Amino acid sequence: MKTKRQSRILELIREYDIDTQEMLADMLEKDGYNVTQATISRDIRELKLTKVGIAGGGFKYAVVTGTGSETAKRLTRVLKEGVLSIDYAQNLLVIKTIQGMAMGVAAAIDAMDKAEIMGTIAGDDTIFCVVKTEAKAIYLTERLKNEIL
């Protein structure tokens, strides 16, 4: 079931400009898949989907593909285009993004595979990034600011 659902997700994002998890869930429901927001979120992460810009403005889900350096360039572009501000509170990074870009930016951060990052949680325009220590959060905040802002 999971494999079929994820295959259908890939078909849907190729066919349509899907920009929200809710829109994806609605389309899957119409196809007979009973999904929750958590399932959609997990599928997006497992399929390594991210939001990319589309002609005329706006964003849509797409698959990140390519060689390691190409992927790194795309992830950096997602970060540079999506992030508005980065700050920290104790061992949490608080990252503000353009509305609707938090999931894509969080996926890009997760793909960076930084050892000090324990995990990310994304809303619509805000990401909480759990870091192992406050010292590492300070370091990572400054590093990300220098690299993407």
Protein backbone atom coordinates (compact mmCIF):
# COMPACT_ATOMS: atom_id res chain seq x y z
CA MET A 1 0.00 0.00 0.00
CA LYS A 2 2.78 2.44 0.95
CA THR A 3 4.69 1.80 -2.28
CA LYS A 4 1.56 2.29 -4.39
CA ARG A 5 0.65 5.48 -2.48
CA GLN A 6 4.13 6.92 -2.87
CA SER A 7 4.15 6.04 -6.58
CA ARG A 8 0.84 7.85 -6.93
CA ILE A 9 2.26 10.86 -5.10
CA LEU A 10 5.13 11.03 -7.61
CA GLU A 11 2.64 10.81 -10.49
CA LEU A 12 0.47 13.55 -8.99
CA ILE A 13 3.31 16.02 -8.44
CA ARG A 14 4.46 15.47 -12.02
CA GLU A 15 0.95 16.07 -13.37
CA TYR A 16 -0.19 18.94 -11.14
CA ASP A 17 1.27 21.98 -9.37
CA ILE A 18 0.63 20.72 -5.84
CA ASP A 19 1.74 23.27 -3.27
CA THR A 20 0.31 22.03 0.05
CA GLN A 21 0.06 18.79 1.97
CA GLU A 22 -3.70 19.33 2.18
CA MET A 23 -4.00 19.51 -1.61
CA LEU A 24 -1.96 16.31 -1.94
CA ALA A 25 -4.07 14.57 0.71
CA ASP A 26 -7.30 15.61 -1.08
CA MET A 27 -6.04 14.24 -4.39
CA LEU A 28 -5.00 10.97 -2.76
CA GLU A 29 -8.39 10.69 -1.01
CA LYS A 30 -10.11 11.05 -4.40
CA ASP A 31 -7.95 8.13 -5.60
CA GLY A 32 -9.14 5.99 -2.67
CA TYR A 33 -6.17 6.41 -0.33
CA ASN A 34 -7.07 7.06 3.31
CA VAL A 35 -4.22 9.30 4.52
CA THR A 36 -3.46 11.55 7.45
CA GLN A 37 -1.32 14.66 7.54
CA ALA A 38 1.37 12.67 9.36
CA THR A 39 1.39 10.07 6.56
CA ILE A 40 1.69 12.75 3.90
CA SER A 41 4.50 14.46 5.83
CA ARG A 42 6.38 11.16 6.20
CA ASP A 43 5.91 10.35 2.49
CA ILE A 44 7.22 13.79 1.49
CA ARG A 45 10.30 13.28 3.64
CA GLU A 46 10.92 9.69 2.43
CA LEU A 47 10.48 10.68 -1.21
CA LYS A 48 12.81 13.65 -0.65
CA LEU A 49 10.29 16.09 -2.09
CA THR A 50 10.90 19.79 -1.83
CA LYS A 51 9.11 22.90 -2.99
CA VAL A 52 10.41 24.61 -6.09
CA GLY A 53 9.40 27.88 -7.74
CA ILE A 54 7.03 27.84 -10.70
CA ALA A 55 6.44 30.27 -13.53
CA GLY A 56 4.21 33.13 -12.49
CA GLY A 57 5.19 32.85 -8.84
CA GLY A 58 4.26 30.30 -6.26
CA PHE A 59 5.73 26.93 -5.45
CA LYS A 60 5.03 23.24 -5.99
CA TYR A 61 6.37 19.93 -4.71
CA ALA A 62 9.09 18.30 -6.81
CA VAL A 63 11.59 15.47 -6.50
CA VAL A 64 15.18 16.44 -5.74
CA THR A 65 17.33 14.56 -8.23
CA GLY A 66 20.79 14.77 -9.69
CA THR A 67 24.36 14.14 -8.66
CA GLY A 68 25.62 15.01 -5.21
CA SER A 69 26.93 18.42 -6.27
CA GLU A 70 23.78 19.19 -8.26
CA THR A 71 21.65 18.20 -5.28
CA ALA A 72 23.78 20.32 -2.96
CA LYS A 73 23.31 23.32 -5.27
CA ARG A 74 19.53 22.79 -5.32
CA LEU A 75 19.36 22.43 -1.55
CA THR A 76 21.40 25.60 -1.12
CA ARG A 77 19.07 27.41 -3.54
CA VAL A 78 16.01 26.23 -1.56
CA LEU A 79 17.61 27.55 1.62
CA LYS A 80 18.63 30.89 0.08
CA GLU A 81 15.26 31.45 -1.57
CA GLY A 82 13.11 30.25 1.31
CA VAL A 83 14.76 31.43 4.53
CA LEU A 84 13.94 34.89 5.88
CA SER A 85 15.61 34.74 9.30
CA ILE A 86 17.44 32.40 11.66
CA ASP A 87 17.73 32.74 15.42
CA TYR A 88 18.09 30.43 18.37
CA ALA A 89 16.64 29.91 21.82
CA GLN A 90 18.74 27.62 23.98
CA ASN A 91 19.23 24.48 21.87
CA LEU A 92 16.51 25.30 19.30
CA LEU A 93 17.03 27.05 16.01
CA VAL A 94 13.98 29.05 14.94
CA ILE A 95 13.96 29.52 11.19
CA LYS A 96 11.38 31.78 9.54
CA THR A 97 10.62 31.12 5.87
CA ILE A 98 8.50 32.45 3.07
CA GLN A 99 4.92 31.27 3.63
CA GLY A 100 4.51 27.68 2.45
CA MET A 101 8.25 26.99 2.25
CA ALA A 102 8.97 25.60 5.71
CA MET A 103 8.59 21.94 4.71
CA GLY A 104 10.92 22.32 1.73
CA VAL A 105 13.50 24.22 3.77
CA ALA A 106 13.27 21.65 6.59
CA ALA A 107 13.84 18.85 4.06
CA ALA A 108 16.88 20.73 2.77
CA ILE A 109 18.21 21.12 6.31
CA ASP A 110 17.62 17.42 7.00
CA ALA A 111 19.46 16.54 3.78
CA MET A 112 22.48 18.54 4.97
CA ASP A 113 22.98 15.69 7.46
CA LYS A 114 24.60 17.85 10.13
CA ALA A 115 25.63 15.75 13.13
CA GLU A 116 24.63 18.48 15.61
CA ILE A 117 21.02 18.54 14.32
CA MET A 118 18.77 16.03 16.05
CA GLY A 119 15.66 16.81 13.98
CA THR A 120 13.39 19.44 12.48
CA ILE A 121 9.71 20.26 12.76
CA ALA A 122 8.14 22.42 10.07
CA GLY A 123 4.92 24.37 9.98
CA ASP A 124 3.87 26.66 7.14
CA ASP A 125 6.48 29.38 7.61
CA THR A 126 8.43 28.38 10.73
CA ILE A 127 10.87 25.59 11.47
CA PHE A 128 12.09 24.41 14.87
CA CYS A 129 15.42 22.66 14.57
CA VAL A 130 16.55 20.75 17.66
CA VAL A 131 20.30 20.93 18.19
CA LYS A 132 22.25 18.88 20.75
CA THR A 133 23.54 21.81 22.82
CA GLU A 134 23.12 25.55 23.08
CA ALA A 135 26.75 26.07 22.06
CA LYS A 136 26.15 24.06 18.88
CA ALA A 137 22.93 26.02 18.24
CA ILE A 138 24.86 29.30 18.44
CA TYR A 139 27.55 27.96 16.10
CA LEU A 140 25.01 26.56 13.62
CA THR A 141 22.95 29.77 13.65
CA GLU A 142 25.98 31.87 12.71
CA ARG A 143 27.15 29.37 10.12
CA LEU A 144 23.75 29.18 8.42
CA LYS A 145 23.36 32.95 8.49
CA ASN A 146 26.73 33.32 6.76
CA GLU A 147 25.96 30.65 4.17
CA ILE A 148 22.39 31.50 3.20
CA LEU A 149 21.37 34.97 4.33
